[in-house]
Amino acid sequence: MQSLYANGFEIIYDEMYQTFIDYEDEFVFYSALLNQYQKKQVLEIGCGSGNLARFFIDNNYTYCGLDYSADMINLCRDKNSKGNFILGDMTQFSLKNKTESILITGRTSSYLLSNKDIFGCLKSIHQNLKPGGLLCFDFIDANRFFKEIKGGKEVKHTAVFDQKKYERISFFNTNTSENLMFNWDSKYYEHTQGKIKLIVEDRSEVRAFTKNEWELYLHLNNFEMVEFIDRKSYAFDTYMVVAKKI
């Protein structure tokens, strides 16, 4: 989905996802987990345009956001002048100071396409967490989602933001490249004065996972699996993983 994260399209992404996702509700969920384990320092991987970051910053968390897109990071900084945002790759990053907790939000785990990517990401997370540090992330559940998209499935989403109407038409289908991959092809439209304008087309290969896979990946990378939380999110069936650094 790299075309949506740069060259002005990051603004459209930002506006649409504020309609798709209730970021205040996301903050309530994550902050409850962090409070349960008494964590006030957090790194958010896949911070996107900074909509969730605002709530952490306003609620006095020691917050840092990491994203792969320079345009997204610039947008984060514009929207959150008090925030700390860094450009980086989740498969190999290093913080100046270790943190108490790391979140991978917005199903960003779907872009860990190879096992090498997964091991690189978990190694970097482990190195940048304090002892007993908390790792939380969501993932698309292959067992449920692949049954929905077998043979191909078209899904439409509409978003209205600041008197602008957007529409996204997505087509999902499994593929056989490797692992539990699927294709996500989308067309984005803007509705203006009764006319429909195609804004951008996007083609992505994305990865889904099973719970058993993540249990093994975490064990091999020195994390203690704490729990899976079955949590609904728009468009996909997902689980939330809660794990601790060993």
C-alpha atoms as a PDB file:
ATOM      1  CA  MET A   1       0.000   0.000   0.000  1.00  0.00           C
ATOM      2  CA  GLN A   2       2.971   2.297  -0.419  1.00  0.00           C
ATOM      3  CA  SER A   3       1.103   4.558  -2.863  1.00  0.00           C
ATOM      4  CA  LEU A   4      -1.308   5.542  -0.069  1.00  0.00           C
ATOM      5  CA  TYR A   5       1.419   6.654   2.315  1.00  0.00           C
ATOM      6  CA  ALA A   6       3.111   9.363   0.255  1.00  0.00           C
ATOM      7  CA  ASN A   7       2.873  12.090  -2.378  1.00  0.00           C
ATOM      8  CA  GLY A   8      -0.212  13.706  -0.885  1.00  0.00           C
ATOM      9  CA  PHE A   9      -2.239  10.509  -0.599  1.00  0.00           C
ATOM     10  CA  GLU A  10      -1.293  10.279   3.073  1.00  0.00           C
ATOM     11  CA  ILE A  11      -3.774  13.151   3.657  1.00  0.00           C
ATOM     12  CA  ILE A  12      -6.585  11.162   2.032  1.00  0.00           C
ATOM     13  CA  TYR A  13      -5.587   8.069   4.018  1.00  0.00           C
ATOM     14  CA  ASP A  14      -5.684  10.129   7.197  1.00  0.00           C
ATOM     15  CA  GLU A  15      -9.144  11.521   6.489  1.00  0.00           C
ATOM     16  CA  MET A  16     -10.645   8.174   5.501  1.00  0.00           C
ATOM     17  CA  TYR A  17      -9.273   6.216   8.434  1.00  0.00           C
ATOM     18  CA  GLN A  18     -10.613   8.724  10.934  1.00  0.00           C
ATOM     19  CA  THR A  19     -14.023   7.527   9.724  1.00  0.00           C
ATOM     20  CA  PHE A  20     -13.112   3.835   9.595  1.00  0.00           C
ATOM     21  CA  ILE A  21     -11.476   3.672  13.044  1.00  0.00           C
ATOM     22  CA  ASP A  22     -12.611   5.062  16.400  1.00  0.00           C
ATOM     23  CA  TYR A  23      -9.202   6.138  17.700  1.00  0.00           C
ATOM     24  CA  GLU A  24     -10.536   7.123  21.110  1.00  0.00           C
ATOM     25  CA  ASP A  25     -11.914   3.600  21.522  1.00  0.00           C
ATOM     26  CA  GLU A  26      -8.538   2.220  20.385  1.00  0.00           C
ATOM     27  CA  PHE A  27      -6.809   4.284  23.052  1.00  0.00           C
ATOM     28  CA  VAL A  28      -9.203   3.099  25.760  1.00  0.00           C
ATOM     29  CA  PHE A  29      -8.430  -0.507  24.819  1.00  0.00           C
ATOM     30  CA  TYR A  30      -4.648  -0.129  24.683  1.00  0.00           C
ATOM     31  CA  SER A  31      -4.378   2.086  27.751  1.00  0.00           C
ATOM     32  CA  ALA A  32      -6.364  -0.453  29.794  1.00  0.00           C
ATOM     33  CA  LEU A  33      -3.824  -3.131  28.823  1.00  0.00           C
ATOM     34  CA  LEU A  34      -0.865  -0.886  29.619  1.00  0.00           C
ATOM     35  CA  ASN A  35      -2.364   0.172  32.952  1.00  0.00           C
ATOM     36  CA  GLN A  36      -2.966  -3.475  33.851  1.00  0.00           C
ATOM     37  CA  TYR A  37       0.781  -4.084  33.564  1.00  0.00           C
ATOM     38  CA  GLN A  38       1.759  -0.647  34.928  1.00  0.00           C
ATOM     39  CA  LYS A  39       3.428   0.601  31.754  1.00  0.00           C
ATOM     40  CA  LYS A  40       3.640   4.346  31.019  1.00  0.00           C
ATOM     41  CA  GLN A  41       6.270   4.246  28.260  1.00  0.00           C
ATOM     42  CA  VAL A  42       5.163   3.118  24.813  1.00  0.00           C
ATOM     43  CA  LEU A  43       6.520   2.770  21.300  1.00  0.00           C
ATOM     44  CA  GLU A  44       3.841   2.515  18.615  1.00  0.00           C
ATOM     45  CA  ILE A  45       5.004   0.725  15.475  1.00  0.00           C
ATOM     46  CA  GLY A  46       2.926   1.699  12.449  1.00  0.00           C
ATOM     47  CA  CYS A  47       1.860   5.021  13.946  1.00  0.00           C
ATOM     48  CA  GLY A  48       0.530   6.124  10.537  1.00  0.00           C
ATOM     49  CA  SER A  49      -0.782   9.685  10.549  1.00  0.00           C
ATOM     50  CA  GLY A  50      -0.680  10.027  14.352  1.00  0.00           C
ATOM     51  CA  ASN A  51      -4.365   9.785  15.230  1.00  0.00           C
ATOM     52  CA  LEU A  52      -3.806   7.307  18.064  1.00  0.00           C
ATOM     53  CA  ALA A  53      -0.612   9.069  19.135  1.00  0.00           C
ATOM     54  CA  ARG A  54      -2.580  12.170  20.118  1.00  0.00           C
ATOM     55  CA  PHE A  55      -4.423  10.313  22.855  1.00  0.00           C
ATOM     56  CA  PHE A  56      -1.260   8.839  24.362  1.00  0.00           C
ATOM     57  CA  ILE A  57       0.445  12.228  24.322  1.00  0.00           C
ATOM     58  CA  ASP A  58      -2.568  14.046  25.808  1.00  0.00           C
ATOM     59  CA  ASN A  59      -2.768  11.434  28.578  1.00  0.00           C
ATOM     60  CA  ASN A  60       0.863  11.895  29.614  1.00  0.00           C
ATOM     61  CA  TYR A  61       2.368   8.658  28.340  1.00  0.00           C
ATOM     62  CA  THR A  62       6.026   8.733  27.369  1.00  0.00           C
ATOM     63  CA  TYR A  63       5.243   8.092  23.728  1.00  0.00           C
ATOM     64  CA  CYS A  64       7.277   7.433  20.580  1.00  0.00           C
ATOM     65  CA  GLY A  65       5.830   6.634  17.162  1.00  0.00           C
ATOM     66  CA  LEU A  66       7.672   4.724  14.411  1.00  0.00           C
ATOM     67  CA  ASP A  67       6.610   4.448  10.777  1.00  0.00           C
ATOM     68  CA  TYR A  68       8.210   3.397   7.484  1.00  0.00           C
ATOM     69  CA  SER A  69       6.755   6.345   5.523  1.00  0.00           C
ATOM     70  CA  ALA A  70       8.554   9.691   5.712  1.00  0.00           C
ATOM     71  CA  ASP A  71       5.383  11.486   4.599  1.00  0.00           C
ATOM     72  CA  MET A  72       3.391   9.856   7.384  1.00  0.00           C
ATOM     73  CA  ILE A  73       6.025  10.855   9.946  1.00  0.00           C
ATOM     74  CA  ASN A  74       5.914  14.447   8.689  1.00  0.00           C
ATOM     75  CA  LEU A  75       2.128  14.410   8.989  1.00  0.00           C
ATOM     76  CA  CYS A  76       2.410  13.047  12.544  1.00  0.00           C
ATOM     77  CA  ARG A  77       4.751  15.869  13.506  1.00  0.00           C
ATOM     78  CA  ASP A  78       2.450  18.480  11.965  1.00  0.00           C
ATOM     79  CA  LYS A  79      -0.533  17.157  13.913  1.00  0.00           C
ATOM     80  CA  ASN A  80       1.276  16.410  17.198  1.00  0.00           C
ATOM     81  CA  SER A  81       3.858  19.070  17.921  1.00  0.00           C
ATOM     82  CA  LYS A  82       4.664  17.561  21.335  1.00  0.00           C
ATOM     83  CA  GLY A  83       5.159  14.057  19.995  1.00  0.00           C
ATOM     84  CA  ASN A  84       8.307  12.076  19.341  1.00  0.00           C
ATOM     85  CA  PHE A  85       8.193  10.395  15.912  1.00  0.00           C
ATOM     86  CA  ILE A  86      10.931   8.503  14.105  1.00  0.00           C
ATOM     87  CA  LEU A  87      11.307   7.102  10.608  1.00  0.00           C
ATOM     88  CA  GLY A  88      12.186   3.425  10.738  1.00  0.00           C
ATOM     89  CA  ASP A  89      11.744  -0.154   9.593  1.00  0.00           C
ATOM     90  CA  MET A  90      10.018  -2.450  12.099  1.00  0.00           C
ATOM     91  CA  THR A  91      12.264  -5.350  11.050  1.00  0.00           C
ATOM     92  CA  GLN A  92      15.416  -3.506  12.160  1.00  0.00           C
ATOM     93  CA  PHE A  93      15.279  -0.485  14.442  1.00  0.00           C
ATOM     94  CA  SER A  94      17.080   0.832  17.496  1.00  0.00           C
ATOM     95  CA  LEU A  95      15.811   3.317  20.084  1.00  0.00           C
ATOM     96  CA  LYS A  96      18.044   5.686  22.033  1.00  0.00           C
ATOM     97  CA  ASN A  97      16.436   4.435  25.227  1.00  0.00           C
ATOM     98  CA  LYS A  98      14.640   1.148  25.848  1.00  0.00           C
ATOM     99  CA  THR A  99      10.909   1.342  26.513  1.00  0.00           C
ATOM    100  CA  GLU A 100       8.447  -0.451  28.801  1.00  0.00           C
ATOM    101  CA  SER A 101       6.004  -1.481  26.068  1.00  0.00           C
ATOM    102  CA  ILE A 102       5.713  -1.781  22.301  1.00  0.00           C
ATOM    103  CA  LEU A 103       2.488  -1.796  20.288  1.00  0.00           C
ATOM    104  CA  ILE A 104       2.155  -2.809  16.643  1.00  0.00           C
ATOM    105  CA  THR A 105      -1.144  -1.191  15.705  1.00  0.00           C
ATOM    106  CA  GLY A 106      -3.516  -1.142  12.737  1.00  0.00           C
ATOM    107  CA  ARG A 107      -2.736  -4.718  11.667  1.00  0.00           C
ATOM    108  CA  THR A 108       0.737  -3.580  10.598  1.00  0.00           C
ATOM    109  CA  SER A 109       1.861  -7.157  11.307  1.00  0.00           C
ATOM    110  CA  SER A 110       0.246  -8.023   7.946  1.00  0.00           C
ATOM    111  CA  TYR A 111       3.256  -6.481   6.203  1.00  0.00           C
ATOM    112  CA  LEU A 112       5.693  -8.937   7.790  1.00  0.00           C
ATOM    113  CA  LEU A 113       5.590 -10.978   4.619  1.00  0.00           C
ATOM    114  CA  SER A 114       8.427 -13.411   5.247  1.00  0.00           C
ATOM    115  CA  ASN A 115       9.602 -15.384   8.269  1.00  0.00           C
ATOM    116  CA  LYS A 116      12.844 -13.416   8.032  1.00  0.00           C
ATOM    117  CA  ASP A 117      10.819 -10.223   8.496  1.00  0.00           C
ATOM    118  CA  ILE A 118       9.041 -11.686  11.533  1.00  0.00           C
ATOM    119  CA  PHE A 119      12.243 -12.802  13.234  1.00  0.00           C
ATOM    120  CA  GLY A 120      13.917  -9.462  12.480  1.00  0.00           C
ATOM    121  CA  CYS A 121      10.966  -7.568  13.920  1.00  0.00           C
ATOM    122  CA  LEU A 122      10.733  -9.663  17.091  1.00  0.00           C
ATOM    123  CA  LYS A 123      14.505  -9.473  17.601  1.00  0.00           C
ATOM    124  CA  SER A 124      14.441  -5.664  17.326  1.00  0.00           C
ATOM    125  CA  ILE A 125      11.456  -5.443  19.675  1.00  0.00           C
ATOM    126  CA  HIS A 126      13.160  -7.692  22.224  1.00  0.00           C
ATOM    127  CA  GLN A 127      16.340  -5.601  22.105  1.00  0.00           C
ATOM    128  CA  ASN A 128      14.417  -2.352  22.599  1.00  0.00           C
ATOM    129  CA  LEU A 129      12.194  -3.481  25.485  1.00  0.00           C
ATOM    130  CA  LYS A 130      13.162  -3.175  29.122  1.00  0.00           C
ATOM    131  CA  PRO A 131      13.217  -6.398  31.206  1.00  0.00           C
ATOM    132  CA  GLY A 132       9.655  -7.654  31.573  1.00  0.00           C
ATOM    133  CA  GLY A 133       8.553  -5.336  28.784  1.00  0.00           C
ATOM    134  CA  LEU A 134       5.129  -5.762  27.181  1.00  0.00           C
ATOM    135  CA  LEU A 135       4.430  -6.473  23.488  1.00  0.00           C
ATOM    136  CA  CYS A 136       0.904  -6.056  22.080  1.00  0.00           C
ATOM    137  CA  PHE A 137      -0.163  -6.375  18.452  1.00  0.00           C
ATOM    138  CA  ASP A 138      -3.100  -7.436  16.313  1.00  0.00           C
ATOM    139  CA  PHE A 139      -3.112  -9.774  13.328  1.00  0.00           C
ATOM    140  CA  ILE A 140      -5.563 -10.938  10.664  1.00  0.00           C
ATOM    141  CA  ASP A 141      -6.865 -14.386  11.583  1.00  0.00           C
ATOM    142  CA  ALA A 142      -6.341 -16.659   8.584  1.00  0.00           C
ATOM    143  CA  ASN A 143      -8.682 -19.353   9.887  1.00  0.00           C
ATOM    144  CA  ARG A 144     -11.681 -17.052   9.713  1.00  0.00           C
ATOM    145  CA  PHE A 145     -10.770 -14.511   7.042  1.00  0.00           C
ATOM    146  CA  PHE A 146      -9.662 -16.979   4.377  1.00  0.00           C
ATOM    147  CA  LYS A 147     -13.005 -18.735   4.572  1.00  0.00           C
ATOM    148  CA  GLU A 148     -14.682 -15.394   3.818  1.00  0.00           C
ATOM    149  CA  ILE A 149     -12.543 -14.501   0.804  1.00  0.00           C
ATOM    150  CA  LYS A 150     -12.161 -17.946  -0.785  1.00  0.00           C
ATOM    151  CA  GLY A 151     -12.858 -17.474  -4.507  1.00  0.00           C
ATOM    152  CA  GLY A 152     -12.609 -13.686  -4.167  1.00  0.00           C
ATOM    153  CA  LYS A 153     -14.708 -11.123  -2.324  1.00  0.00           C
ATOM    154  CA  GLU A 154     -15.529  -7.467  -3.068  1.00  0.00           C
ATOM    155  CA  VAL A 155     -16.078  -5.088  -0.158  1.00  0.00           C
ATOM    156  CA  LYS A 156     -17.114  -1.414  -0.260  1.00  0.00           C
ATOM    157  CA  HIS A 157     -16.364   1.131   2.445  1.00  0.00           C
ATOM    158  CA  THR A 158     -17.509   4.746   2.484  1.00  0.00           C
ATOM    159  CA  ALA A 159     -16.097   7.574   4.556  1.00  0.00           C
ATOM    160  CA  VAL A 160     -17.330  11.133   5.104  1.00  0.00           C
ATOM    161  CA  PHE A 161     -14.867  13.623   6.549  1.00  0.00           C
ATOM    162  CA  ASP A 162     -15.070  17.414   6.637  1.00  0.00           C
ATOM    163  CA  GLN A 163     -17.942  17.392   4.093  1.00  0.00           C
ATOM    164  CA  LYS A 164     -15.962  15.187   1.702  1.00  0.00           C
ATOM    165  CA  LYS A 165     -17.182  11.723   0.744  1.00  0.00           C
ATOM    166  CA  TYR A 166     -14.768   8.958  -0.142  1.00  0.00           C
ATOM    167  CA  GLU A 167     -15.367   5.393  -1.276  1.00  0.00           C
ATOM    168  CA  ARG A 168     -13.031   2.433  -1.305  1.00  0.00           C
ATOM    169  CA  ILE A 169     -13.804  -0.686  -3.306  1.00  0.00           C
ATOM    170  CA  SER A 170     -11.593  -3.585  -2.252  1.00  0.00           C
ATOM    171  CA  PHE A 171     -11.199  -7.014  -3.793  1.00  0.00           C
ATOM    172  CA  PHE A 172      -9.680  -9.720  -1.618  1.00  0.00           C
ATOM    173  CA  ASN A 173      -8.481 -13.121  -2.775  1.00  0.00           C
ATOM    174  CA  THR A 174      -6.085 -15.774  -1.511  1.00  0.00           C
ATOM    175  CA  ASN A 175      -2.890 -16.504  -3.409  1.00  0.00           C
ATOM    176  CA  THR A 176      -0.327 -19.293  -3.335  1.00  0.00           C
ATOM    177  CA  SER A 177       2.934 -17.333  -3.316  1.00  0.00           C
ATOM    178  CA  GLU A 178       4.001 -18.475   0.177  1.00  0.00           C
ATOM    179  CA  ASN A 179       2.723 -18.577   3.734  1.00  0.00           C
ATOM    180  CA  LEU A 180      -0.896 -17.465   4.278  1.00  0.00           C
ATOM    181  CA  MET A 181      -0.877 -14.580   1.811  1.00  0.00           C
ATOM    182  CA  PHE A 182      -3.736 -12.773   0.134  1.00  0.00           C
ATOM    183  CA  ASN A 183      -4.138 -10.047  -2.458  1.00  0.00           C
ATOM    184  CA  TRP A 184      -5.791  -6.781  -1.520  1.00  0.00           C
ATOM    185  CA  ASP A 185      -6.614  -4.693  -4.602  1.00  0.00           C
ATOM    186  CA  SER A 186      -8.362  -1.384  -4.000  1.00  0.00           C
ATOM    187  CA  LYS A 187      -9.705   1.612  -5.853  1.00  0.00           C
ATOM    188  CA  TYR A 188     -10.267   4.877  -4.011  1.00  0.00           C
ATOM    189  CA  TYR A 189     -12.847   7.418  -5.175  1.00  0.00           C
ATOM    190  CA  GLU A 190     -13.910  10.900  -4.145  1.00  0.00           C
ATOM    191  CA  HIS A 191     -17.516  12.041  -4.607  1.00  0.00           C
ATOM    192  CA  THR A 192     -17.689  15.733  -5.540  1.00  0.00           C
ATOM    193  CA  GLN A 193     -20.744  17.669  -6.756  1.00  0.00           C
ATOM    194  CA  GLY A 194     -22.468  14.542  -7.979  1.00  0.00           C
ATOM    195  CA  LYS A 195     -19.383  13.259  -9.788  1.00  0.00           C
ATOM    196  CA  ILE A 196     -17.167  10.321  -8.862  1.00  0.00           C
ATOM    197  CA  LYS A 197     -13.415  10.732  -9.327  1.00  0.00           C
ATOM    198  CA  LEU A 198     -10.910   7.880  -9.131  1.00  0.00           C
ATOM    199  CA  ILE A 199      -8.128   9.053  -6.811  1.00  0.00           C
ATOM    200  CA  VAL A 200      -5.727   6.132  -6.707  1.00  0.00           C
ATOM    201  CA  GLU A 201      -5.513   2.388  -7.305  1.00  0.00           C
ATOM    202  CA  ASP A 202      -3.550   0.164  -4.967  1.00  0.00           C
ATOM    203  CA  ARG A 203      -2.398  -3.445  -5.209  1.00  0.00           C
ATOM    204  CA  SER A 204      -0.922  -5.132  -2.163  1.00  0.00           C
ATOM    205  CA  GLU A 205       0.112  -8.598  -1.071  1.00  0.00           C
ATOM    206  CA  VAL A 206      -0.682  -9.026   2.600  1.00  0.00           C
ATOM    207  CA  ARG A 207      -0.187 -11.787   5.172  1.00  0.00           C
ATOM    208  CA  ALA A 208      -2.609 -13.419   7.588  1.00  0.00           C
ATOM    209  CA  PHE A 209      -1.600 -15.688  10.483  1.00  0.00           C
ATOM    210  CA  THR A 210      -2.863 -18.412  12.775  1.00  0.00           C
ATOM    211  CA  LYS A 211      -2.626 -18.322  16.558  1.00  0.00           C
ATOM    212  CA  ASN A 212      -0.340 -21.375  16.511  1.00  0.00           C
ATOM    213  CA  GLU A 213       2.131 -19.575  14.248  1.00  0.00           C
ATOM    214  CA  TRP A 214       2.418 -16.619  16.609  1.00  0.00           C
ATOM    215  CA  GLU A 215       2.768 -18.848  19.677  1.00  0.00           C
ATOM    216  CA  LEU A 216       5.778 -20.498  18.042  1.00  0.00           C
ATOM    217  CA  TYR A 217       7.334 -17.279  16.687  1.00  0.00           C
ATOM    218  CA  LEU A 218       7.106 -15.652  20.127  1.00  0.00           C
ATOM    219  CA  HIS A 219       8.562 -18.678  21.924  1.00  0.00           C
ATOM    220  CA  LEU A 220      11.509 -18.873  19.519  1.00  0.00           C
ATOM    221  CA  ASN A 221      12.244 -15.178  20.074  1.00  0.00           C
ATOM    222  CA  ASN A 222      12.161 -15.244  23.889  1.00  0.00           C
ATOM    223  CA  PHE A 223       8.695 -13.907  24.586  1.00  0.00           C
ATOM    224  CA  GLU A 224       6.184 -15.367  27.022  1.00  0.00           C
ATOM    225  CA  MET A 225       2.736 -15.637  25.458  1.00  0.00           C
ATOM    226  CA  VAL A 226       0.197 -14.110  27.875  1.00  0.00           C
ATOM    227  CA  GLU A 227      -3.121 -14.160  26.000  1.00  0.00           C
ATOM    228  CA  PHE A 228      -5.012 -13.839  22.745  1.00  0.00           C
ATOM    229  CA  ILE A 229      -7.900 -11.381  22.728  1.00  0.00           C
ATOM    230  CA  ASP A 230     -10.587 -11.869  20.085  1.00  0.00           C
ATOM    231  CA  ARG A 231     -11.265  -8.315  18.973  1.00  0.00           C
ATOM    232  CA  LYS A 232     -13.433  -7.165  16.103  1.00  0.00           C
ATOM    233  CA  SER A 233     -12.048  -4.565  13.741  1.00  0.00           C
ATOM    234  CA  TYR A 234     -13.311  -3.092  10.517  1.00  0.00           C
ATOM    235  CA  ALA A 235     -12.923  -5.283   7.394  1.00  0.00           C
ATOM    236  CA  PHE A 236     -11.025  -8.162   9.043  1.00  0.00           C
ATOM    237  CA  ASP A 237     -11.334 -10.776  11.783  1.00  0.00           C
ATOM    238  CA  THR A 238      -8.447 -10.154  14.151  1.00  0.00           C
ATOM    239  CA  TYR A 239      -6.826 -11.334  17.353  1.00  0.00           C
ATOM    240  CA  MET A 240      -4.807  -9.201  19.730  1.00  0.00           C
ATOM    241  CA  VAL A 241      -1.615 -10.743  21.113  1.00  0.00           C
ATOM    242  CA  VAL A 242      -0.308  -9.862  24.559  1.00  0.00           C
ATOM    243  CA  ALA A 243       3.207 -11.109  25.349  1.00  0.00           C
ATOM    244  CA  LYS A 244       6.079 -10.342  27.724  1.00  0.00           C
ATOM    245  CA  LYS A 245       9.813 -10.183  27.146  1.00  0.00           C
ATOM    246  CA  ILE A 246      11.643 -13.026  28.867  1.00  0.00           C
END
